[in-house]
Amino acid sequence: MMKIYIVGTVGSGKSTLARQLGELLSISVFPLDDVVHDGKRRRSEQEISDLTQQILQQEKFIIEDTLREQFTGLLREVDSVIFLDLPEIFLKYRVIKRYFRQKLGLESANYQPSLQMLRQMFIWQKIDRRDLIETQPNLIVLRSKRQIKKFIEEVSNDKNDSWLGKSRR
């Protein structure tokens, strides 16, 4: 089995890493934003629960999220947690860059890019769930773009899952 949860704050590269790992390992990727939102509509709690259960029933999956409180229980359901713990200044730069790319139509969003949303993203970046993340037995912490790139290369060279059980902090 290969059930992976990629967590990190807004702008940390969760979606990009999930997409890359999904392609390398031929595993379905589920951004939990898509579980919570159907386009611009927020799903009901029942819909969110049903979709989450559908994902968990699969033998292999990659989920990615900021680790919203409603999804912290999923930490117990996965084989490995990948925590993208990048420097704060880098994360702020990425959020600002994303905002402008979305405003210019160069990047899609499932929300309306606005100054209010940009401000909200900076607030979300301050939420710290390290206490929950750092207790995970199979935790991989990646703290820089270089570490992320090296990790992807390692997975690419070793698709037999031996990297999965290696905890790195």
Protein backbone atom coordinates (compact mmCIF):
# COMPACT_ATOMS: atom_id res chain seq x y z
CA MET A 1 0.00 0.00 0.00
CA MET A 2 1.07 3.55 -0.60
CA LYS A 3 -1.02 6.20 1.09
CA ILE A 4 0.73 9.55 1.28
CA TYR A 5 -0.34 12.84 2.88
CA ILE A 6 1.57 15.92 1.76
CA VAL A 7 1.15 18.83 4.16
CA GLY A 8 2.47 22.35 4.22
CA THR A 9 1.30 25.92 4.34
CA VAL A 10 -0.11 27.95 1.47
CA GLY A 11 2.51 28.32 -1.27
CA SER A 12 4.80 25.52 -0.07
CA GLY A 13 4.49 23.47 -3.26
CA LYS A 14 2.18 20.71 -2.04
CA SER A 15 0.18 20.51 -5.26
CA THR A 16 3.27 20.49 -7.44
CA LEU A 17 4.98 17.77 -5.40
CA ALA A 18 1.77 15.70 -5.25
CA ARG A 19 1.35 15.94 -9.02
CA GLN A 20 5.01 14.96 -9.63
CA LEU A 21 4.86 11.99 -7.24
CA GLY A 22 1.51 10.91 -8.66
CA GLU A 23 2.97 10.83 -12.17
CA LEU A 24 6.17 9.07 -11.09
CA LEU A 25 4.38 6.41 -9.05
CA SER A 26 1.15 6.15 -11.08
CA ILE A 27 -0.97 7.05 -8.06
CA SER A 28 -4.13 9.16 -7.98
CA VAL A 29 -3.74 12.59 -6.39
CA PHE A 30 -6.49 14.24 -4.38
CA PRO A 31 -6.12 17.89 -3.38
CA LEU A 32 -8.33 18.21 -0.33
CA ASP A 33 -9.31 21.69 -1.57
CA ASP A 34 -11.29 19.81 -4.23
CA VAL A 35 -12.95 17.72 -1.53
CA VAL A 36 -14.01 20.85 0.37
CA HIS A 37 -14.99 22.91 -2.68
CA ASP A 38 -16.98 22.03 -5.78
CA GLY A 39 -15.89 24.86 -8.01
CA LYS A 40 -16.66 27.97 -6.01
CA ARG A 41 -19.26 26.21 -3.80
CA ARG A 42 -18.29 24.84 -0.40
CA ARG A 43 -19.54 21.29 -0.03
CA SER A 44 -21.64 20.19 2.96
CA GLU A 45 -19.93 18.34 5.81
CA GLN A 46 -21.69 15.15 4.67
CA GLU A 47 -20.38 15.54 1.11
CA ILE A 48 -16.86 16.16 2.45
CA SER A 49 -17.09 13.09 4.67
CA ASP A 50 -18.40 10.90 1.82
CA LEU A 51 -15.66 12.03 -0.60
CA THR A 52 -12.99 11.54 2.06
CA GLN A 53 -14.19 8.00 2.72
CA GLN A 54 -14.10 7.24 -1.02
CA ILE A 55 -10.46 8.32 -1.12
CA LEU A 56 -9.53 6.30 1.98
CA GLN A 57 -11.02 3.12 0.47
CA GLN A 58 -8.46 3.20 -2.31
CA GLU A 59 -5.33 1.07 -1.99
CA LYS A 60 -3.04 3.88 -3.14
CA PHE A 61 -3.46 7.63 -3.05
CA ILE A 62 -1.76 10.93 -2.46
CA ILE A 63 -3.67 13.64 -0.64
CA GLU A 64 -2.43 17.16 -0.11
CA ASP A 65 -3.62 19.96 2.15
CA THR A 66 -2.60 22.60 4.63
CA LEU A 67 -3.77 20.13 7.30
CA ARG A 68 -7.04 21.83 8.11
CA GLU A 69 -8.39 20.81 11.47
CA GLN A 70 -11.15 18.73 9.86
CA PHE A 71 -8.50 16.57 8.14
CA THR A 72 -6.06 15.97 11.02
CA GLY A 73 -7.57 12.50 11.58
CA LEU A 74 -6.29 11.49 8.14
CA LEU A 75 -2.76 11.47 9.56
CA ARG A 76 -3.64 8.11 11.16
CA GLU A 77 -4.88 6.71 7.82
CA VAL A 78 -1.70 7.11 5.76
CA ASP A 79 1.59 5.26 5.44
CA SER A 80 3.74 8.36 5.12
CA VAL A 81 3.48 12.10 5.74
CA ILE A 82 5.58 14.55 3.72
CA PHE A 83 5.86 17.94 5.42
CA LEU A 84 7.00 20.86 3.27
CA ASP A 85 8.56 23.20 5.83
CA LEU A 86 10.03 25.98 3.70
CA PRO A 87 11.35 29.36 4.92
CA GLU A 88 8.65 31.95 5.63
CA ILE A 89 10.07 34.61 3.30
CA PHE A 90 10.07 32.12 0.42
CA LEU A 91 6.44 31.20 1.13
CA LYS A 92 5.36 34.85 1.15
CA TYR A 93 7.11 35.40 -2.19
CA ARG A 94 5.31 32.38 -3.68
CA VAL A 95 1.89 33.58 -2.51
CA ILE A 96 2.45 37.05 -3.99
CA LYS A 97 3.73 35.53 -7.24
CA ARG A 98 0.69 33.23 -7.42
CA TYR A 99 -1.65 36.17 -6.82
CA PHE A 100 -0.23 38.13 -9.76
CA ARG A 101 -0.13 35.09 -12.05
CA GLN A 102 -3.81 34.42 -11.27
CA LYS A 103 -4.78 38.08 -11.79
CA LEU A 104 -3.04 38.01 -15.18
CA GLY A 105 -4.80 34.76 -16.14
CA LEU A 106 -1.53 32.79 -16.26
CA GLU A 107 -2.59 30.43 -13.47
CA SER A 108 -6.04 29.06 -12.66
CA ALA A 109 -7.68 29.23 -9.24
CA ASN A 110 -10.78 27.69 -7.71
CA TYR A 111 -11.41 31.03 -5.98
CA GLN A 112 -11.55 34.66 -7.06
CA PRO A 113 -8.06 36.18 -6.67
CA SER A 114 -8.47 39.40 -4.71
CA LEU A 115 -6.54 41.47 -2.20
CA GLN A 116 -8.82 40.05 0.50
CA MET A 117 -7.88 36.50 -0.55
CA LEU A 118 -4.18 37.44 -0.64
CA ARG A 119 -4.49 38.77 2.91
CA GLN A 120 -6.29 35.58 3.98
CA MET A 121 -3.47 33.45 2.56
CA PHE A 122 -0.96 35.34 4.70
CA ILE A 123 -3.17 34.63 7.73
CA TRP A 124 -3.36 30.93 6.81
CA GLN A 125 0.43 30.82 6.54
CA LYS A 126 0.64 31.59 10.26
CA ILE A 127 -1.28 28.46 11.28
CA ASP A 128 1.27 26.06 12.73
CA ARG A 129 0.38 22.38 13.07
CA ARG A 130 3.91 21.11 13.76
CA ASP A 131 2.74 19.56 17.03
CA LEU A 132 0.53 17.17 15.06
CA ILE A 133 2.87 16.64 12.13
CA GLU A 134 6.10 16.00 14.01
CA THR A 135 4.63 13.07 15.98
CA GLN A 136 4.05 11.04 12.81
CA PRO A 137 6.12 7.83 12.64
CA ASN A 138 6.88 7.91 8.90
CA LEU A 139 7.51 11.60 8.50
CA ILE A 140 9.59 13.12 5.72
CA VAL A 141 10.40 16.80 6.25
CA LEU A 142 11.63 18.78 3.26
CA ARG A 143 12.93 22.26 4.09
CA SER A 144 14.13 23.67 0.76
CA LYS A 145 13.61 23.52 -2.98
CA ARG A 146 16.88 21.59 -3.19
CA GLN A 147 15.67 18.95 -0.73
CA ILE A 148 12.40 18.61 -2.64
CA LYS A 149 14.27 18.17 -5.93
CA LYS A 150 16.61 15.59 -4.36
CA PHE A 151 13.63 13.72 -2.90
CA ILE A 152 11.88 13.58 -6.29
CA GLU A 153 15.09 12.24 -7.87
CA GLU A 154 15.35 9.59 -5.14
CA VAL A 155 11.75 8.48 -5.69
CA SER A 156 12.31 8.44 -9.45
CA ASN A 157 15.35 6.19 -9.02
CA ASP A 158 13.69 3.92 -6.44
CA LYS A 159 10.05 3.27 -7.35
CA ASN A 160 9.90 0.11 -5.24
CA ASP A 161 8.74 2.13 -2.22
CA SER A 162 11.83 1.64 -0.02
CA TRP A 163 11.92 5.42 0.52
CA LEU A 164 8.37 5.31 1.92
CA GLY A 165 9.22 3.98 5.36
CA LYS A 166 12.26 6.20 5.87
CA SER A 167 11.60 8.92 8.37
CA ARG A 168 13.58 12.14 7.76
CA ARG A 169 13.40 15.08 10.07
